[in-house]
Amino acid sequence: MAQPTPLMPHATATWLVDNTALSFEQIADFCGLHILEVQAMADDLAGSKYTGRDPLHSGELTLAEIERGQEDPAYRLKMQKAPVETTRTKGPRYTPVSKRQDKPDGIAWILRNHPEITDAQIGKLIGTTRNTIAAIRDRSHWNIANIQPKDPVTLGLCSQRELDAMVAKAAKKAGTVEGAEVEATGDTSDRDKLIAELRAERDSAEKAAAEAAQEAEAAAWLEAKRAGEAGE
């Protein structure tokens, strides 16, 4: 079983680079990072600057363990005290700051495409308030002119599984009478087509986002590799 990594791997790696004689490989292995990332930190070429975090103070390493690693470059550092994982059990869904501006677009998309989902369900799925949902619904939101309905899955506000589960739950809660009437009339083709089109659009956007992320990751790795080779 792989050992846990430090609570703040990049900050810990920065501290180890600045304060020890451990090899880049040892630091990368302990922190769960790529060796090129550690080398870029040492050469001050990393895109992000991190404030060092002392693993001795947190108990993740001991001075004796560091000295053992410095004496033997082949030695793998052992985590002395695994960081305690924190979990959120209460409160609204957390959304990264970079994505919070996308919430109104995601809410508008759900209101337009899934009116059967209640405000409480939207609030739980997106992590927003009923007042915000109501303002977007009645178009009294302060930024309504710039709100464009966009799939919350594509925006990264929720997962496809969470959205599908919420839609299914809302449809079930709406009752079976409506479903029975639709089945009796046989008028399901338009709705089925719309659902198929929306899912195809969502899948396409999700695939494109994944490919773009892979290309960006590959480009970043290549740039770090070139920087490492240049520094040798």
Protein backbone atom coordinates (compact mmCIF):
# COMPACT_ATOMS: atom_id res chain seq x y z
CA MET A 1 0.00 0.00 0.00
CA ALA A 2 1.40 3.39 -0.98
CA GLN A 3 2.14 5.65 1.95
CA PRO A 4 0.14 8.87 2.33
CA THR A 5 1.55 12.13 1.03
CA PRO A 6 2.02 15.32 3.10
CA LEU A 7 -1.00 17.51 3.69
CA MET A 8 0.57 20.24 1.50
CA PRO A 9 2.94 18.37 -0.86
CA HIS A 10 4.21 21.34 -2.90
CA ALA A 11 4.83 23.51 0.16
CA THR A 12 6.54 20.59 1.92
CA ALA A 13 8.72 19.91 -1.13
CA THR A 14 9.73 23.58 -1.19
CA TRP A 15 10.82 23.41 2.46
CA LEU A 16 12.80 20.18 1.92
CA VAL A 17 14.57 21.68 -1.12
CA ASP A 18 15.55 24.80 0.83
CA ASN A 19 16.47 23.19 4.15
CA THR A 20 17.87 19.72 3.48
CA ALA A 21 20.40 17.93 1.27
CA LEU A 22 17.89 15.27 0.20
CA SER A 23 17.91 14.35 -3.48
CA PHE A 24 15.18 15.59 -5.81
CA GLU A 25 14.10 11.98 -6.27
CA GLN A 26 13.70 11.43 -2.52
CA ILE A 27 11.68 14.63 -2.12
CA ALA A 28 9.50 13.84 -5.13
CA ASP A 29 8.85 10.32 -3.85
CA PHE A 30 7.92 11.48 -0.35
CA CYS A 31 5.67 14.32 -1.57
CA GLY A 32 4.04 12.36 -4.39
CA LEU A 33 5.29 14.77 -7.06
CA HIS A 34 7.09 14.38 -10.38
CA ILE A 35 10.85 14.82 -10.04
CA LEU A 36 10.74 17.59 -12.67
CA GLU A 37 8.37 19.57 -10.47
CA VAL A 38 10.86 19.40 -7.60
CA GLN A 39 13.73 20.35 -9.89
CA ALA A 40 11.75 23.32 -11.20
CA MET A 41 11.19 24.48 -7.60
CA ALA A 42 14.92 24.20 -6.89
CA ASP A 43 15.78 26.15 -10.05
CA ASP A 44 13.07 28.74 -9.26
CA LEU A 45 11.36 27.89 -12.55
CA ALA A 46 8.05 26.70 -11.16
CA GLY A 47 5.01 28.60 -12.39
CA SER A 48 3.64 28.90 -8.83
CA LYS A 49 5.65 29.99 -5.82
CA TYR A 50 4.98 28.14 -2.58
CA THR A 51 5.76 29.12 1.00
CA GLY A 52 7.66 26.25 2.58
CA ARG A 53 5.85 24.07 5.12
CA ASP A 54 8.01 22.43 7.80
CA PRO A 55 7.19 18.68 7.97
CA LEU A 56 9.08 18.46 11.29
CA HIS A 57 6.63 20.83 12.93
CA SER A 58 3.64 18.85 11.62
CA GLY A 59 5.19 15.55 12.73
CA GLU A 60 5.17 14.12 9.19
CA LEU A 61 8.97 13.72 9.36
CA THR A 62 11.60 13.59 12.09
CA LEU A 63 15.10 15.02 12.00
CA ALA A 64 16.49 11.48 12.30
CA GLU A 65 14.50 10.38 9.24
CA ILE A 66 15.80 13.32 7.20
CA GLU A 67 19.38 12.63 8.28
CA ARG A 68 18.97 8.97 7.34
CA GLY A 69 17.85 10.05 3.87
CA GLN A 70 20.71 12.51 3.48
CA GLU A 71 23.23 9.79 4.33
CA ASP A 72 21.76 7.31 1.84
CA PRO A 73 20.41 8.74 -1.48
CA ALA A 74 18.69 5.40 -2.17
CA TYR A 75 16.71 5.58 1.10
CA ARG A 76 12.99 6.27 0.82
CA LEU A 77 11.66 8.62 3.46
CA LYS A 78 8.86 7.20 5.61
CA MET A 79 5.87 9.22 6.74
CA GLN A 80 6.03 9.43 10.54
CA LYS A 81 2.57 10.85 11.15
CA ALA A 82 -0.02 10.75 8.37
CA PRO A 83 -2.02 13.98 7.95
CA VAL A 84 -5.56 13.84 9.27
CA GLU A 85 -8.12 14.04 6.51
CA THR A 86 -10.88 16.54 7.04
CA THR A 87 -14.37 15.98 5.74
CA ARG A 88 -17.30 18.34 5.34
CA THR A 89 -20.45 16.97 6.94
CA LYS A 90 -22.59 20.10 7.13
CA GLY A 91 -23.12 23.32 5.28
CA PRO A 92 -23.70 24.18 1.61
CA ARG A 93 -21.81 22.49 -1.20
CA TYR A 94 -18.34 24.01 -1.58
CA THR A 95 -17.51 25.52 -4.95
CA PRO A 96 -13.98 26.74 -5.83
CA VAL A 97 -13.70 30.52 -6.10
CA SER A 98 -12.76 30.24 -9.79
CA LYS A 99 -16.11 28.58 -10.56
CA ARG A 100 -18.47 30.60 -8.41
CA GLN A 101 -19.11 33.13 -11.16
CA ASP A 102 -20.46 30.25 -13.29
CA LYS A 103 -23.20 29.32 -10.82
CA PRO A 104 -25.89 31.61 -12.31
CA ASP A 105 -25.31 30.08 -15.77
CA GLY A 106 -25.69 26.57 -14.35
CA ILE A 107 -28.84 27.52 -12.43
CA ALA A 108 -30.39 29.07 -15.54
CA TRP A 109 -29.67 25.88 -17.51
CA ILE A 110 -31.41 23.69 -14.94
CA LEU A 111 -34.42 26.03 -14.73
CA ARG A 112 -34.78 25.92 -18.51
CA ASN A 113 -34.17 22.22 -19.09
CA HIS A 114 -35.40 20.61 -15.89
CA PRO A 115 -38.27 22.64 -14.41
CA GLU A 116 -39.28 19.58 -12.39
CA ILE A 117 -36.25 20.05 -10.12
CA THR A 118 -37.18 22.02 -7.00
CA ASP A 119 -35.32 25.08 -5.72
CA ALA A 120 -34.13 23.09 -2.71
CA GLN A 121 -32.66 20.43 -4.98
CA ILE A 122 -30.94 23.04 -7.18
CA GLY A 123 -29.50 24.69 -4.08
CA LYS A 124 -28.08 21.38 -2.89
CA LEU A 125 -26.72 20.41 -6.33
CA ILE A 126 -25.10 23.76 -7.22
CA GLY A 127 -24.45 25.11 -3.72
CA THR A 128 -26.56 28.26 -3.89
CA THR A 129 -29.47 29.99 -2.15
CA ARG A 130 -33.18 30.03 -2.93
CA ASN A 131 -33.08 33.82 -3.26
CA THR A 132 -30.52 33.55 -6.06
CA ILE A 133 -32.57 30.87 -7.84
CA ALA A 134 -35.74 32.96 -7.53
CA ALA A 135 -33.97 36.07 -8.86
CA ILE A 136 -32.76 34.16 -11.93
CA ARG A 137 -36.19 32.61 -12.49
CA ASP A 138 -38.04 35.94 -12.43
CA ARG A 139 -35.13 37.71 -14.17
CA SER A 140 -34.58 40.18 -11.33
CA HIS A 141 -30.98 39.05 -10.78
CA TRP A 142 -28.52 41.97 -10.81
CA ASN A 143 -26.48 40.36 -13.62
CA ILE A 144 -29.34 38.81 -15.58
CA ALA A 145 -28.23 40.47 -18.86
CA ASN A 146 -25.00 38.44 -18.80
CA ILE A 147 -26.38 35.10 -17.61
CA GLN A 148 -26.25 32.41 -20.30
CA PRO A 149 -27.72 28.95 -19.57
CA LYS A 150 -24.85 26.44 -19.53
CA ASP A 151 -24.70 22.80 -18.51
CA PRO A 152 -23.50 22.69 -14.86
CA VAL A 153 -21.61 19.47 -15.60
CA THR A 154 -19.56 21.17 -18.33
CA LEU A 155 -18.97 24.10 -15.97
CA GLY A 156 -17.64 21.72 -13.34
CA LEU A 157 -20.30 22.63 -10.76
CA CYS A 158 -21.48 19.03 -10.35
CA SER A 159 -20.89 15.59 -11.82
CA GLN A 160 -22.99 13.91 -14.50
CA ARG A 161 -23.97 11.23 -12.01
CA GLU A 162 -25.18 13.81 -9.49
CA LEU A 163 -27.23 15.64 -12.11
CA ASP A 164 -28.81 12.45 -13.48
CA ALA A 165 -29.65 11.28 -9.96
CA MET A 166 -31.27 14.62 -9.16
CA VAL A 167 -33.32 14.58 -12.38
CA ALA A 168 -34.51 11.03 -11.68
CA LYS A 169 -35.38 11.90 -8.09
CA ALA A 170 -37.32 15.00 -9.18
CA ALA A 171 -39.22 13.05 -11.84
CA LYS A 172 -40.15 10.35 -9.33
CA LYS A 173 -41.28 12.94 -6.79
CA ALA A 174 -43.46 14.61 -9.44
CA GLY A 175 -45.63 11.46 -9.38
CA THR A 176 -46.58 8.71 -11.80
CA VAL A 177 -49.83 10.26 -13.01
CA GLU A 178 -48.10 12.54 -15.48
CA GLY A 179 -45.99 9.64 -16.69
CA ALA A 180 -49.06 7.47 -17.16
CA GLU A 181 -50.78 10.16 -19.24
CA VAL A 182 -47.78 10.50 -21.51
CA GLU A 183 -47.54 6.75 -21.92
CA ALA A 184 -51.25 6.52 -22.78
CA THR A 185 -51.03 9.14 -25.49
CA GLY A 186 -47.73 7.80 -26.82
CA ASP A 187 -46.50 11.39 -27.09
CA THR A 188 -42.94 10.73 -25.90
CA SER A 189 -40.97 11.21 -29.09
CA ASP A 190 -40.35 14.97 -28.74
CA ARG A 191 -39.27 14.68 -25.12
CA ASP A 192 -37.02 11.71 -25.88
CA LYS A 193 -35.41 13.56 -28.74
CA LEU A 194 -34.79 16.62 -26.57
CA ILE A 195 -33.25 14.51 -23.80
CA ALA A 196 -31.04 12.68 -26.33
CA GLU A 197 -29.90 15.96 -27.87
CA LEU A 198 -29.08 17.49 -24.49
CA ARG A 199 -27.14 14.42 -23.40
CA ALA A 200 -25.23 14.32 -26.69
CA GLU A 201 -24.38 18.01 -26.32
CA ARG A 202 -23.24 17.48 -22.73
CA ASP A 203 -21.15 14.42 -23.61
CA SER A 204 -19.49 16.27 -26.47
CA ALA A 205 -18.63 19.26 -24.29
CA GLU A 206 -17.35 16.99 -21.52
CA LYS A 207 -15.14 15.09 -23.98
CA ALA A 208 -13.75 18.32 -25.42
CA ALA A 209 -12.97 19.64 -21.93
CA ALA A 210 -11.18 16.40 -21.01
CA GLU A 211 -9.10 16.48 -24.20
CA ALA A 212 -8.16 20.11 -23.59
CA ALA A 213 -7.09 19.28 -20.04
CA GLN A 214 -4.94 16.39 -21.28
CA GLU A 215 -3.28 18.59 -23.89
CA ALA A 216 -2.57 21.28 -21.28
CA GLU A 217 -1.10 18.71 -18.89
CA ALA A 218 1.12 17.27 -21.62
CA ALA A 219 2.32 20.73 -22.63
CA ALA A 220 3.12 21.64 -19.02
CA TRP A 221 5.05 18.41 -18.53
CA LEU A 222 7.02 18.97 -21.74
CA GLU A 223 7.84 22.54 -20.73
CA ALA A 224 9.03 21.37 -17.31
CA LYS A 225 11.13 18.66 -18.94
CA ARG A 226 12.76 21.16 -21.30
CA ALA A 227 13.44 23.49 -18.37
CA GLY A 228 15.02 20.61 -16.47
CA GLU A 229 17.22 19.64 -19.41
CA ALA A 230 18.30 23.24 -19.86
CA GLY A 231 19.33 23.44 -16.23
CA GLU A 232 21.50 20.30 -16.39
